Amino acid sequence: MKARTLSGREGSEKRNTDKRDGSRITRRLALGAMAGSLVALRSPIAKADSKLRVGKAVAVNIGYVPLDVGIEHGIFQKHGLEIEEMNFAGGAKIAQAMTAGAVDISLSAGPDMAFVAKGAPEIAIASIAESAAFMVYLVGKQSNAHGMEDLKGKKIGITSPGSLTDWLAERLNQVNGWTSASDRVTKVAVGGSAQATLAALKTGQVDASIGAPQLGYELEEQHEGRLLFDCSHYVGPIELYTIFTSTALTQSNPDLVRRFLKGWLESIAFMKTHKDETVRIAAKVMGAPPAIAARTYDSLISKFSTDGKFGGKALETLGQSFQDLKTLPGPVQMEKLYTERFLPTESQT
């Protein structure tokens, strides 16, 4: 069959029709593409989670529980963070990990600011707590001590020389004016584990020991001892627990630091209004019965910082502890050891 040949008029009409149809198709495609672009602009762009390595100086510490609460309840994830939690055996170990680039954020003791002063590639970015109530004096069941004055001339268990507990015992001497050898408390290094503390109390190696409140509550539950008093009875505000970050991270990804602090402070706010959920997580993290975790929560939840800011008096006391223990030579310029520029502003909270 031959193909039909169009006349000049027919061909002209056909070409005009094709042009009009092509124009309609082009406009239709353009409008469709534009609509798709508008939808894409209105739809939120999913942010891939950024991985952050966060270390705890010690695992069993109520002061660091906000990290676990924030992870379990998706608070950090809401800020686009995937947290890899790491646990260490003390502030020195976690400072070494920070120096080696193995940790991005660390939860540690305020006295670890001394590492910053000594040149460690890190900086303090937020206060966790400024209350000495997180540390207490413990006695065994055989003790007849009833208060601070009963520790005069006694042997006190500390974790190690140069530690926070070392300074707390020394401060006890200063506050009470115990200057003579017979009056001063004698400091005995027993380590930081609950087992070592209990053994030292049972054997009479020490008359009292400085530790965490939950250990005192456990001693009472087991009828092996009791909590005598907490250190806030003679120590005012002190930068006790602190968040640090590597200086490399502050330079390469400051937004990541800001997002972490937002998540941390939101986790604390959650803890304050969700006791049951917090106690469940704290009991698991600390390896303590729920009743012990609940008592610890009740005694300390109000002591957590809700804005992360550093208090002048708390920093002054910490600086004094460096001089008392001769941790650092000469007066310390505390303002060089921390920054608040990554903390959320009031409009961001």
C-alpha atoms as a PDB file:
ATOM      1  CA  MET A   1       0.000   0.000   0.000  1.00  0.00           C
ATOM      2  CA  LYS A   2       1.327   3.345  -0.869  1.00  0.00           C
ATOM      3  CA  ALA A   3       1.648   5.949   1.748  1.00  0.00           C
ATOM      4  CA  ARG A   4      -0.825   8.727   1.406  1.00  0.00           C
ATOM      5  CA  THR A   5       0.659  12.021   0.179  1.00  0.00           C
ATOM      6  CA  LEU A   6      -0.830  15.120   1.794  1.00  0.00           C
ATOM      7  CA  SER A   7      -1.828  18.081  -0.275  1.00  0.00           C
ATOM      8  CA  GLY A   8      -0.234  21.453   0.498  1.00  0.00           C
ATOM      9  CA  ARG A   9      -3.299  22.669   2.452  1.00  0.00           C
ATOM     10  CA  GLU A  10      -3.673  19.442   4.382  1.00  0.00           C
ATOM     11  CA  GLY A  11       0.024  19.401   5.193  1.00  0.00           C
ATOM     12  CA  SER A  12      -0.102  22.962   6.424  1.00  0.00           C
ATOM     13  CA  GLU A  13      -3.085  22.243   8.719  1.00  0.00           C
ATOM     14  CA  LYS A  14      -1.388  19.103  10.055  1.00  0.00           C
ATOM     15  CA  ARG A  15       1.826  20.983  10.904  1.00  0.00           C
ATOM     16  CA  ASN A  16      -0.112  23.737  12.708  1.00  0.00           C
ATOM     17  CA  THR A  17      -2.036  21.129  14.734  1.00  0.00           C
ATOM     18  CA  ASP A  18       1.218  19.392  15.717  1.00  0.00           C
ATOM     19  CA  LYS A  19       2.672  22.696  16.853  1.00  0.00           C
ATOM     20  CA  ARG A  20      -0.347  23.462  19.033  1.00  0.00           C
ATOM     21  CA  ASP A  21      -0.323  19.946  20.550  1.00  0.00           C
ATOM     22  CA  GLY A  22       3.405  20.150  21.161  1.00  0.00           C
ATOM     23  CA  SER A  23       2.957  23.506  22.840  1.00  0.00           C
ATOM     24  CA  ARG A  24       0.219  22.087  25.094  1.00  0.00           C
ATOM     25  CA  ILE A  25       2.409  19.093  25.991  1.00  0.00           C
ATOM     26  CA  THR A  26       5.379  21.334  26.783  1.00  0.00           C
ATOM     27  CA  ARG A  27       3.320  23.630  29.000  1.00  0.00           C
ATOM     28  CA  ARG A  28       1.784  20.611  30.760  1.00  0.00           C
ATOM     29  CA  LEU A  29       5.209  19.148  31.482  1.00  0.00           C
ATOM     30  CA  ALA A  30       6.520  22.490  32.685  1.00  0.00           C
ATOM     31  CA  LEU A  31       3.584  23.012  35.027  1.00  0.00           C
ATOM     32  CA  GLY A  32       3.995  19.485  36.365  1.00  0.00           C
ATOM     33  CA  ALA A  33       7.684  19.974  36.997  1.00  0.00           C
ATOM     34  CA  MET A  34       7.012  23.293  38.743  1.00  0.00           C
ATOM     35  CA  ALA A  35       4.402  21.712  40.974  1.00  0.00           C
ATOM     36  CA  GLY A  36       6.832  18.931  41.872  1.00  0.00           C
ATOM     37  CA  SER A  37       9.477  21.522  42.781  1.00  0.00           C
ATOM     38  CA  LEU A  38       7.054  23.365  45.044  1.00  0.00           C
ATOM     39  CA  VAL A  39       6.138  20.124  46.801  1.00  0.00           C
ATOM     40  CA  ALA A  40       9.826  19.359  47.274  1.00  0.00           C
ATOM     41  CA  LEU A  41      10.403  22.799  48.761  1.00  0.00           C
ATOM     42  CA  ARG A  42       7.540  22.389  51.210  1.00  0.00           C
ATOM     43  CA  SER A  43       8.565  18.864  52.287  1.00  0.00           C
ATOM     44  CA  PRO A  44      11.155  18.734  55.131  1.00  0.00           C
ATOM     45  CA  ILE A  45      14.497  17.357  54.048  1.00  0.00           C
ATOM     46  CA  ALA A  46      15.445  14.380  56.194  1.00  0.00           C
ATOM     47  CA  LYS A  47      18.806  14.967  57.880  1.00  0.00           C
ATOM     48  CA  ALA A  48      21.085  11.978  58.062  1.00  0.00           C
ATOM     49  CA  ASP A  49      22.218  11.244  61.616  1.00  0.00           C
ATOM     50  CA  SER A  50      25.715  12.466  62.440  1.00  0.00           C
ATOM     51  CA  LYS A  51      27.707  10.030  64.544  1.00  0.00           C
ATOM     52  CA  LEU A  52      29.162  11.388  67.770  1.00  0.00           C
ATOM     53  CA  ARG A  53      31.472   9.441  70.094  1.00  0.00           C
ATOM     54  CA  VAL A  54      30.596  10.360  73.670  1.00  0.00           C
ATOM     55  CA  GLY A  55      32.601   8.998  76.588  1.00  0.00           C
ATOM     56  CA  LYS A  56      31.871   8.797  80.301  1.00  0.00           C
ATOM     57  CA  ALA A  57      34.765   9.065  82.739  1.00  0.00           C
ATOM     58  CA  VAL A  58      32.998   6.334  84.731  1.00  0.00           C
ATOM     59  CA  ALA A  59      29.928   4.340  83.812  1.00  0.00           C
ATOM     60  CA  VAL A  60      28.236   4.242  87.225  1.00  0.00           C
ATOM     61  CA  ASN A  61      27.490   7.895  87.896  1.00  0.00           C
ATOM     62  CA  ILE A  62      24.069   9.520  88.198  1.00  0.00           C
ATOM     63  CA  GLY A  63      25.614  12.743  86.866  1.00  0.00           C
ATOM     64  CA  TYR A  64      26.092  11.194  83.437  1.00  0.00           C
ATOM     65  CA  VAL A  65      22.699   9.451  83.199  1.00  0.00           C
ATOM     66  CA  PRO A  66      21.171  12.232  81.020  1.00  0.00           C
ATOM     67  CA  LEU A  67      23.154  10.750  78.136  1.00  0.00           C
ATOM     68  CA  ASP A  68      21.398   7.392  78.501  1.00  0.00           C
ATOM     69  CA  VAL A  69      18.009   9.050  78.932  1.00  0.00           C
ATOM     70  CA  GLY A  70      18.534  11.127  75.801  1.00  0.00           C
ATOM     71  CA  ILE A  71      19.591   8.089  73.781  1.00  0.00           C
ATOM     72  CA  GLU A  72      16.748   5.842  74.906  1.00  0.00           C
ATOM     73  CA  HIS A  73      14.036   8.456  74.385  1.00  0.00           C
ATOM     74  CA  GLY A  74      15.295   9.609  70.965  1.00  0.00           C
ATOM     75  CA  ILE A  75      16.144  13.124  72.127  1.00  0.00           C
ATOM     76  CA  PHE A  76      19.596  13.177  70.531  1.00  0.00           C
ATOM     77  CA  GLN A  77      18.229  11.512  67.416  1.00  0.00           C
ATOM     78  CA  LYS A  78      15.720  14.349  67.108  1.00  0.00           C
ATOM     79  CA  HIS A  79      18.719  16.628  66.682  1.00  0.00           C
ATOM     80  CA  GLY A  80      20.184  14.407  63.975  1.00  0.00           C
ATOM     81  CA  LEU A  81      22.704  12.681  66.236  1.00  0.00           C
ATOM     82  CA  GLU A  82      23.688   9.047  66.505  1.00  0.00           C
ATOM     83  CA  ILE A  83      25.462   8.609  69.850  1.00  0.00           C
ATOM     84  CA  GLU A  84      28.154   5.995  70.352  1.00  0.00           C
ATOM     85  CA  GLU A  85      28.515   5.717  74.140  1.00  0.00           C
ATOM     86  CA  MET A  86      31.931   4.784  75.529  1.00  0.00           C
ATOM     87  CA  ASN A  87      32.912   4.141  79.164  1.00  0.00           C
ATOM     88  CA  PHE A  88      36.317   4.731  80.735  1.00  0.00           C
ATOM     89  CA  ALA A  89      38.098   4.096  84.034  1.00  0.00           C
ATOM     90  CA  GLY A  90      38.557   7.665  85.230  1.00  0.00           C
ATOM     91  CA  GLY A  91      39.229  11.187  84.003  1.00  0.00           C
ATOM     92  CA  ALA A  92      42.858  10.550  83.057  1.00  0.00           C
ATOM     93  CA  LYS A  93      41.869   7.699  80.737  1.00  0.00           C
ATOM     94  CA  ILE A  94      39.190   9.688  78.956  1.00  0.00           C
ATOM     95  CA  ALA A  95      41.558  12.661  78.588  1.00  0.00           C
ATOM     96  CA  GLN A  96      44.063  10.330  76.916  1.00  0.00           C
ATOM     97  CA  ALA A  97      41.340   9.126  74.551  1.00  0.00           C
ATOM     98  CA  MET A  98      40.437  12.720  73.713  1.00  0.00           C
ATOM     99  CA  THR A  99      44.088  13.499  72.965  1.00  0.00           C
ATOM    100  CA  ALA A 100      44.291  10.442  70.707  1.00  0.00           C
ATOM    101  CA  GLY A 101      41.186  11.567  68.798  1.00  0.00           C
ATOM    102  CA  ALA A 102      39.148   8.559  69.930  1.00  0.00           C
ATOM    103  CA  VAL A 103      36.424  10.608  71.654  1.00  0.00           C
ATOM    104  CA  ASP A 104      34.488  13.669  70.472  1.00  0.00           C
ATOM    105  CA  ILE A 105      32.643  14.589  73.692  1.00  0.00           C
ATOM    106  CA  SER A 106      33.479  13.598  77.266  1.00  0.00           C
ATOM    107  CA  LEU A 107      31.437  13.648  80.450  1.00  0.00           C
ATOM    108  CA  SER A 108      33.890  13.970  83.287  1.00  0.00           C
ATOM    109  CA  ALA A 109      34.737  15.767  86.531  1.00  0.00           C
ATOM    110  CA  GLY A 110      35.270  19.505  86.694  1.00  0.00           C
ATOM    111  CA  PRO A 111      38.808  19.036  88.067  1.00  0.00           C
ATOM    112  CA  ASP A 112      39.697  17.588  84.663  1.00  0.00           C
ATOM    113  CA  MET A 113      39.885  21.194  83.479  1.00  0.00           C
ATOM    114  CA  ALA A 114      43.465  20.851  84.721  1.00  0.00           C
ATOM    115  CA  PHE A 115      44.155  18.766  81.605  1.00  0.00           C
ATOM    116  CA  VAL A 116      43.006  21.708  79.472  1.00  0.00           C
ATOM    117  CA  ALA A 117      45.396  23.992  81.380  1.00  0.00           C
ATOM    118  CA  LYS A 118      48.190  21.522  80.697  1.00  0.00           C
ATOM    119  CA  GLY A 119      47.594  21.665  76.957  1.00  0.00           C
ATOM    120  CA  ALA A 120      45.180  18.800  76.254  1.00  0.00           C
ATOM    121  CA  PRO A 121      43.347  19.409  72.921  1.00  0.00           C
ATOM    122  CA  GLU A 122      39.957  19.888  74.563  1.00  0.00           C
ATOM    123  CA  ILE A 123      37.831  22.541  76.228  1.00  0.00           C
ATOM    124  CA  ALA A 124      34.972  22.584  78.746  1.00  0.00           C
ATOM    125  CA  ILE A 125      31.691  23.518  77.034  1.00  0.00           C
ATOM    126  CA  ALA A 126      28.953  23.062  79.660  1.00  0.00           C
ATOM    127  CA  SER A 127      28.421  22.512  83.354  1.00  0.00           C
ATOM    128  CA  ILE A 128      26.555  19.369  84.416  1.00  0.00           C
ATOM    129  CA  ALA A 129      26.409  20.115  88.135  1.00  0.00           C
ATOM    130  CA  GLU A 130      27.954  22.579  90.584  1.00  0.00           C
ATOM    131  CA  SER A 131      26.935  20.863  93.816  1.00  0.00           C
ATOM    132  CA  ALA A 132      29.157  18.824  96.112  1.00  0.00           C
ATOM    133  CA  ALA A 133      26.014  16.917  97.145  1.00  0.00           C
ATOM    134  CA  PHE A 134      26.957  14.347  94.481  1.00  0.00           C
ATOM    135  CA  MET A 135      29.728  13.239  96.870  1.00  0.00           C
ATOM    136  CA  VAL A 136      29.139  11.901 100.390  1.00  0.00           C
ATOM    137  CA  TYR A 137      30.919  10.450 103.422  1.00  0.00           C
ATOM    138  CA  LEU A 138      30.176   6.780 104.077  1.00  0.00           C
ATOM    139  CA  VAL A 139      30.743   4.790 107.266  1.00  0.00           C
ATOM    140  CA  GLY A 140      30.526   1.098 108.081  1.00  0.00           C
ATOM    141  CA  LYS A 141      27.925  -0.447 110.386  1.00  0.00           C
ATOM    142  CA  GLN A 142      30.416  -0.544 113.282  1.00  0.00           C
ATOM    143  CA  SER A 143      30.926   3.234 113.197  1.00  0.00           C
ATOM    144  CA  ASN A 144      29.512   5.408 115.986  1.00  0.00           C
ATOM    145  CA  ALA A 145      30.066   8.646 114.028  1.00  0.00           C
ATOM    146  CA  HIS A 146      27.030  10.937 113.820  1.00  0.00           C
ATOM    147  CA  GLY A 147      28.366  14.031 112.085  1.00  0.00           C
ATOM    148  CA  MET A 148      31.290  15.937 110.645  1.00  0.00           C
ATOM    149  CA  GLU A 149      32.928  16.620 114.006  1.00  0.00           C
ATOM    150  CA  ASP A 150      33.207  12.873 114.654  1.00  0.00           C
ATOM    151  CA  LEU A 151      35.687  12.524 111.778  1.00  0.00           C
ATOM    152  CA  LYS A 152      38.349  14.573 113.554  1.00  0.00           C
ATOM    153  CA  GLY A 153      41.645  12.664 113.473  1.00  0.00           C
ATOM    154  CA  LYS A 154      40.086   9.768 111.521  1.00  0.00           C
ATOM    155  CA  LYS A 155      41.251   7.904 108.424  1.00  0.00           C
ATOM    156  CA  ILE A 156      39.281   8.842 105.297  1.00  0.00           C
ATOM    157  CA  GLY A 157      39.176   6.763 102.136  1.00  0.00           C
ATOM    158  CA  ILE A 158      39.799   8.651  98.875  1.00  0.00           C
ATOM    159  CA  THR A 159      40.103   7.366  95.318  1.00  0.00           C
ATOM    160  CA  SER A 160      43.675   8.550  94.686  1.00  0.00           C
ATOM    161  CA  PRO A 161      46.114  11.385  95.507  1.00  0.00           C
ATOM    162  CA  GLY A 162      45.374  14.563  93.562  1.00  0.00           C
ATOM    163  CA  SER A 163      41.765  13.549  92.943  1.00  0.00           C
ATOM    164  CA  LEU A 164      38.565  15.412  93.761  1.00  0.00           C
ATOM    165  CA  THR A 165      38.063  13.174  96.815  1.00  0.00           C
ATOM    166  CA  ASP A 166      41.592  14.044  97.947  1.00  0.00           C
ATOM    167  CA  TRP A 167      40.665  17.736  97.866  1.00  0.00           C
ATOM    168  CA  LEU A 168      37.317  17.154  99.598  1.00  0.00           C
ATOM    169  CA  ALA A 169      39.105  15.493 102.526  1.00  0.00           C
ATOM    170  CA  GLU A 170      41.704  18.260 102.622  1.00  0.00           C
ATOM    171  CA  ARG A 171      38.961  20.872 102.534  1.00  0.00           C
ATOM    172  CA  LEU A 172      37.358  19.181 105.554  1.00  0.00           C
ATOM    173  CA  ASN A 173      40.569  19.854 107.481  1.00  0.00           C
ATOM    174  CA  GLN A 174      40.620  23.501 106.377  1.00  0.00           C
ATOM    175  CA  VAL A 175      36.983  24.256 107.184  1.00  0.00           C
ATOM    176  CA  ASN A 176      37.208  22.757 110.672  1.00  0.00           C
ATOM    177  CA  GLY A 177      40.624  24.206 111.481  1.00  0.00           C
ATOM    178  CA  TRP A 178      42.143  20.767 111.954  1.00  0.00           C
ATOM    179  CA  THR A 179      45.798  21.692 111.536  1.00  0.00           C
ATOM    180  CA  SER A 180      47.683  19.489 114.001  1.00  0.00           C
ATOM    181  CA  ALA A 181      48.677  15.955 113.076  1.00  0.00           C
ATOM    182  CA  SER A 182      46.354  14.547 115.728  1.00  0.00           C
ATOM    183  CA  ASP A 183      43.358  16.536 114.509  1.00  0.00           C
ATOM    184  CA  ARG A 184      43.736  16.290 110.746  1.00  0.00           C
ATOM    185  CA  VAL A 185      41.981  13.520 108.846  1.00  0.00           C
ATOM    186  CA  THR A 186      44.414  11.061 107.300  1.00  0.00           C
ATOM    187  CA  LYS A 187      43.772  10.328 103.622  1.00  0.00           C
ATOM    188  CA  VAL A 188      44.004   6.699 102.506  1.00  0.00           C
ATOM    189  CA  ALA A 189      43.818   5.817  98.798  1.00  0.00           C
ATOM    190  CA  VAL A 190      41.374   2.905  98.405  1.00  0.00           C
ATOM    191  CA  GLY A 191      40.437   3.232  94.718  1.00  0.00           C
ATOM    192  CA  GLY A 192      37.121   4.193  93.196  1.00  0.00           C
ATOM    193  CA  SER A 193      35.192   0.931  93.070  1.00  0.00           C
ATOM    194  CA  ALA A 194      32.298   0.181  95.403  1.00  0.00           C
ATOM    195  CA  GLN A 195      33.859  -3.156  96.305  1.00  0.00           C
ATOM    196  CA  ALA A 196      37.140  -1.539  97.372  1.00  0.00           C
ATOM    197  CA  THR A 197      35.317   1.075  99.428  1.00  0.00           C
ATOM    198  CA  LEU A 198      33.194  -1.501 101.208  1.00  0.00           C
ATOM    199  CA  ALA A 199      36.209  -3.698 101.915  1.00  0.00           C
ATOM    200  CA  ALA A 200      38.147  -0.750 103.379  1.00  0.00           C
ATOM    201  CA  LEU A 201      35.218   0.119 105.673  1.00  0.00           C
ATOM    202  CA  LYS A 202      34.650  -3.479 106.773  1.00  0.00           C
ATOM    203  CA  THR A 203      38.279  -4.180 107.607  1.00  0.00           C
ATOM    204  CA  GLY A 204      38.816  -0.895 109.438  1.00  0.00           C
ATOM    205  CA  GLN A 205      41.394   0.271 106.898  1.00  0.00           C
ATOM    206  CA  VAL A 206      39.454   3.546 106.985  1.00  0.00           C
ATOM    207  CA  ASP A 207      36.933   5.053 109.386  1.00  0.00           C
ATOM    208  CA  ALA A 208      34.953   6.709 106.603  1.00  0.00           C
ATOM    209  CA  SER A 209      35.176   6.990 102.846  1.00  0.00           C
ATOM    210  CA  ILE A 210      34.109   9.520 100.225  1.00  0.00           C
ATOM    211  CA  GLY A 211      31.885   8.150  97.472  1.00  0.00           C
ATOM    212  CA  ALA A 212      28.603   8.426  95.609  1.00  0.00           C
ATOM    213  CA  PRO A 213      25.242   8.722  97.412  1.00  0.00           C
ATOM    214  CA  GLN A 214      23.856   5.544  95.889  1.00  0.00           C
ATOM    215  CA  LEU A 215      26.604   3.538  97.583  1.00  0.00           C
ATOM    216  CA  GLY A 216      25.496   4.940 100.927  1.00  0.00           C
ATOM    217  CA  TYR A 217      21.897   3.962 100.218  1.00  0.00           C
ATOM    218  CA  GLU A 218      23.011   0.462  99.226  1.00  0.00           C
ATOM    219  CA  LEU A 219      24.998   0.112 102.460  1.00  0.00           C
ATOM    220  CA  GLU A 220      21.885   1.040 104.403  1.00  0.00           C
ATOM    221  CA  GLU A 221      19.732  -1.454 102.483  1.00  0.00           C
ATOM    222  CA  GLN A 222      22.264  -4.209 103.179  1.00  0.00           C
ATOM    223  CA  HIS A 223      22.732  -3.127 106.830  1.00  0.00           C
ATOM    224  CA  GLU A 224      26.469  -2.789 106.163  1.00  0.00           C
ATOM    225  CA  GLY A 225      26.802   0.934 106.805  1.00  0.00           C
ATOM    226  CA  ARG A 226      25.237   4.288 106.061  1.00  0.00           C
ATOM    227  CA  LEU A 227      25.554   7.698 104.481  1.00  0.00           C
ATOM    228  CA  LEU A 228      26.897  10.120 107.105  1.00  0.00           C
ATOM    229  CA  PHE A 229      26.558  13.481 105.309  1.00  0.00           C
ATOM    230  CA  ASP A 230      27.082  14.939 101.838  1.00  0.00           C
ATOM    231  CA  CYS A 231      29.949  17.258 100.992  1.00  0.00           C
ATOM    232  CA  SER A 232      27.733  20.262 100.280  1.00  0.00           C
ATOM    233  CA  HIS A 233      27.523  20.643 104.085  1.00  0.00           C
ATOM    234  CA  TYR A 234      30.978  22.214 104.043  1.00  0.00           C
ATOM    235  CA  VAL A 235      31.750  22.915 100.376  1.00  0.00           C
ATOM    236  CA  GLY A 236      29.902  25.647  98.503  1.00  0.00           C
ATOM    237  CA  PRO A 237      29.362  25.679  94.718  1.00  0.00           C
ATOM    238  CA  ILE A 238      32.128  23.890  92.825  1.00  0.00           C
ATOM    239  CA  GLU A 239      32.316  22.895  89.174  1.00  0.00           C
ATOM    240  CA  LEU A 240      31.884  19.192  89.897  1.00  0.00           C
ATOM    241  CA  TYR A 241      30.784  17.509  86.659  1.00  0.00           C
ATOM    242  CA  THR A 242      31.500  18.968  83.249  1.00  0.00           C
ATOM    243  CA  ILE A 243      31.095  18.343  79.519  1.00  0.00           C
ATOM    244  CA  PHE A 244      34.238  18.640  77.396  1.00  0.00           C
ATOM    245  CA  THR A 245      34.776  18.469  73.647  1.00  0.00           C
ATOM    246  CA  SER A 246      37.823  18.191  71.436  1.00  0.00           C
ATOM    247  CA  THR A 247      39.088  21.478  70.029  1.00  0.00           C
ATOM    248  CA  ALA A 248      39.271  19.767  66.640  1.00  0.00           C
ATOM    249  CA  LEU A 249      35.493  19.264  66.670  1.00  0.00           C
ATOM    250  CA  THR A 250      34.824  22.863  67.694  1.00  0.00           C
ATOM    251  CA  GLN A 251      36.732  23.953  64.609  1.00  0.00           C
ATOM    252  CA  SER A 252      35.544  21.371  62.082  1.00  0.00           C
ATOM    253  CA  ASN A 253      31.877  21.033  63.070  1.00  0.00           C
ATOM    254  CA  PRO A 254      30.693  23.523  65.715  1.00  0.00           C
ATOM    255  CA  ASP A 255      27.056  22.847  64.785  1.00  0.00           C
ATOM    256  CA  LEU A 256      27.496  19.254  65.928  1.00  0.00           C
ATOM    257  CA  VAL A 257      28.613  20.496  69.348  1.00  0.00           C
ATOM    258  CA  ARG A 258      25.610  22.829  69.574  1.00  0.00           C
ATOM    259  CA  ARG A 259      23.181  20.056  68.643  1.00  0.00           C
ATOM    260  CA  PHE A 260      24.630  17.785  71.309  1.00  0.00           C
ATOM    261  CA  LEU A 261      24.218  20.411  74.021  1.00  0.00           C
ATOM    262  CA  LYS A 262      20.621  21.051  72.950  1.00  0.00           C
ATOM    263  CA  GLY A 263      19.938  17.328  73.259  1.00  0.00           C
ATOM    264  CA  TRP A 264      21.689  17.155  76.639  1.00  0.00           C
ATOM    265  CA  LEU A 265      19.691  20.012  78.165  1.00  0.00           C
ATOM    266  CA  GLU A 266      16.439  18.633  76.757  1.00  0.00           C
ATOM    267  CA  SER A 267      17.303  15.275  78.323  1.00  0.00           C
ATOM    268  CA  ILE A 268      17.682  16.928  81.734  1.00  0.00           C
ATOM    269  CA  ALA A 269      14.359  18.718  81.285  1.00  0.00           C
ATOM    270  CA  PHE A 270      12.778  15.351  80.454  1.00  0.00           C
ATOM    271  CA  MET A 271      14.311  13.770  83.577  1.00  0.00           C
ATOM    272  CA  LYS A 272      12.883  16.441  85.833  1.00  0.00           C
ATOM    273  CA  THR A 273       9.315  15.718  84.677  1.00  0.00           C
ATOM    274  CA  HIS A 274       9.575  11.940  84.107  1.00  0.00           C
ATOM    275  CA  LYS A 275      10.803  10.360  87.332  1.00  0.00           C
ATOM    276  CA  ASP A 276       9.635   6.790  86.630  1.00  0.00           C
ATOM    277  CA  GLU A 277      11.310   6.598  83.212  1.00  0.00           C
ATOM    278  CA  THR A 278      14.507   8.182  84.576  1.00  0.00           C
ATOM    279  CA  VAL A 279      14.677   5.870  87.590  1.00  0.00           C
ATOM    280  CA  ARG A 280      14.276   2.808  85.359  1.00  0.00           C
ATOM    281  CA  ILE A 281      17.172   3.899  83.145  1.00  0.00           C
ATOM    282  CA  ALA A 282      19.340   5.029  86.085  1.00  0.00           C
ATOM    283  CA  ALA A 283      18.850   1.692  87.862  1.00  0.00           C
ATOM    284  CA  LYS A 284      20.008  -0.164  84.764  1.00  0.00           C
ATOM    285  CA  VAL A 285      23.009   2.111  84.160  1.00  0.00           C
ATOM    286  CA  MET A 286      24.163   2.149  87.801  1.00  0.00           C
ATOM    287  CA  GLY A 287      23.414  -1.520  88.401  1.00  0.00           C
ATOM    288  CA  ALA A 288      21.310  -0.555  91.411  1.00  0.00           C
ATOM    289  CA  PRO A 289      17.866  -1.653  92.612  1.00  0.00           C
ATOM    290  CA  PRO A 290      15.065   0.723  91.507  1.00  0.00           C
ATOM    291  CA  ALA A 291      14.489   1.808  95.117  1.00  0.00           C
ATOM    292  CA  ILE A 292      18.124   2.950  95.381  1.00  0.00           C
ATOM    293  CA  ALA A 293      17.932   4.726  92.026  1.00  0.00           C
ATOM    294  CA  ALA A 294      14.740   6.458  93.179  1.00  0.00           C
ATOM    295  CA  ARG A 295      16.387   7.746  96.370  1.00  0.00           C
ATOM    296  CA  THR A 296      19.349   8.984  94.355  1.00  0.00           C
ATOM    297  CA  TYR A 297      17.005  10.720  91.916  1.00  0.00           C
ATOM    298  CA  ASP A 298      15.102  12.430  94.724  1.00  0.00           C
ATOM    299  CA  SER A 299      18.249  13.730  96.386  1.00  0.00           C
ATOM    300  CA  LEU A 300      20.062  14.965  93.265  1.00  0.00           C
ATOM    301  CA  ILE A 301      17.670  15.755  90.400  1.00  0.00           C
ATOM    302  CA  SER A 302      17.390  19.405  91.489  1.00  0.00           C
ATOM    303  CA  LYS A 303      21.182  19.754  91.398  1.00  0.00           C
ATOM    304  CA  PHE A 304      21.539  19.321  87.617  1.00  0.00           C
ATOM    305  CA  SER A 305      22.234  22.472  85.634  1.00  0.00           C
ATOM    306  CA  THR A 306      19.333  23.349  83.338  1.00  0.00           C
ATOM    307  CA  ASP A 307      21.252  25.833  81.175  1.00  0.00           C
ATOM    308  CA  GLY A 308      24.822  24.469  81.216  1.00  0.00           C
ATOM    309  CA  LYS A 309      26.324  27.809  82.192  1.00  0.00           C
ATOM    310  CA  PHE A 310      29.400  28.047  84.398  1.00  0.00           C
ATOM    311  CA  GLY A 311      29.031  29.827  87.736  1.00  0.00           C
ATOM    312  CA  GLY A 312      31.737  32.221  88.846  1.00  0.00           C
ATOM    313  CA  LYS A 313      31.788  30.990  92.430  1.00  0.00           C
ATOM    314  CA  ALA A 314      31.886  27.340  91.329  1.00  0.00           C
ATOM    315  CA  LEU A 315      34.861  28.036  89.046  1.00  0.00           C
ATOM    316  CA  GLU A 316      36.604  29.999  91.785  1.00  0.00           C
ATOM    317  CA  THR A 317      36.334  27.047  94.174  1.00  0.00           C
ATOM    318  CA  LEU A 318      37.629  24.678  91.500  1.00  0.00           C
ATOM    319  CA  GLY A 319      40.573  26.979  90.846  1.00  0.00           C
ATOM    320  CA  GLN A 320      41.312  27.023  94.571  1.00  0.00           C
ATOM    321  CA  SER A 321      41.355  23.235  94.626  1.00  0.00           C
ATOM    322  CA  PHE A 322      44.078  23.268  91.941  1.00  0.00           C
ATOM    323  CA  GLN A 323      46.219  25.441  94.200  1.00  0.00           C
ATOM    324  CA  ASP A 324      45.478  23.438  97.344  1.00  0.00           C
ATOM    325  CA  LEU A 325      46.503  20.180  95.687  1.00  0.00           C
ATOM    326  CA  LYS A 326      49.295  21.844  93.679  1.00  0.00           C
ATOM    327  CA  THR A 327      47.703  20.361  90.571  1.00  0.00           C
ATOM    328  CA  LEU A 328      48.771  23.400  88.566  1.00  0.00           C
ATOM    329  CA  PRO A 329      51.606  25.840  89.273  1.00  0.00           C
ATOM    330  CA  GLY A 330      50.515  29.298  90.378  1.00  0.00           C
ATOM    331  CA  PRO A 331      47.135  31.015  89.940  1.00  0.00           C
ATOM    332  CA  VAL A 332      44.912  29.594  87.211  1.00  0.00           C
ATOM    333  CA  GLN A 333      43.167  31.687  84.559  1.00  0.00           C
ATOM    334  CA  MET A 334      39.920  29.729  84.625  1.00  0.00           C
ATOM    335  CA  GLU A 335      38.335  31.714  81.768  1.00  0.00           C
ATOM    336  CA  LYS A 336      40.779  30.079  79.357  1.00  0.00           C
ATOM    337  CA  LEU A 337      39.618  26.580  80.260  1.00  0.00           C
ATOM    338  CA  TYR A 338      35.978  26.816  79.163  1.00  0.00           C
ATOM    339  CA  THR A 339      33.580  28.431  76.704  1.00  0.00           C
ATOM    340  CA  GLU A 340      29.811  28.995  76.658  1.00  0.00           C
ATOM    341  CA  ARG A 341      29.531  29.843  72.953  1.00  0.00           C
ATOM    342  CA  PHE A 342      28.008  26.474  72.050  1.00  0.00           C
ATOM    343  CA  LEU A 343      25.197  26.634  74.613  1.00  0.00           C
ATOM    344  CA  PRO A 344      21.664  27.301  73.290  1.00  0.00           C
ATOM    345  CA  THR A 345      20.416  30.864  73.644  1.00  0.00           C
ATOM    346  CA  GLU A 346      17.086  31.561  75.325  1.00  0.00           C
ATOM    347  CA  SER A 347      15.409  31.880  71.914  1.00  0.00           C
ATOM    348  CA  GLN A 348      16.671  28.399  70.981  1.00  0.00           C
ATOM    349  CA  THR A 349      15.470  26.609  74.131  1.00  0.00           C
END
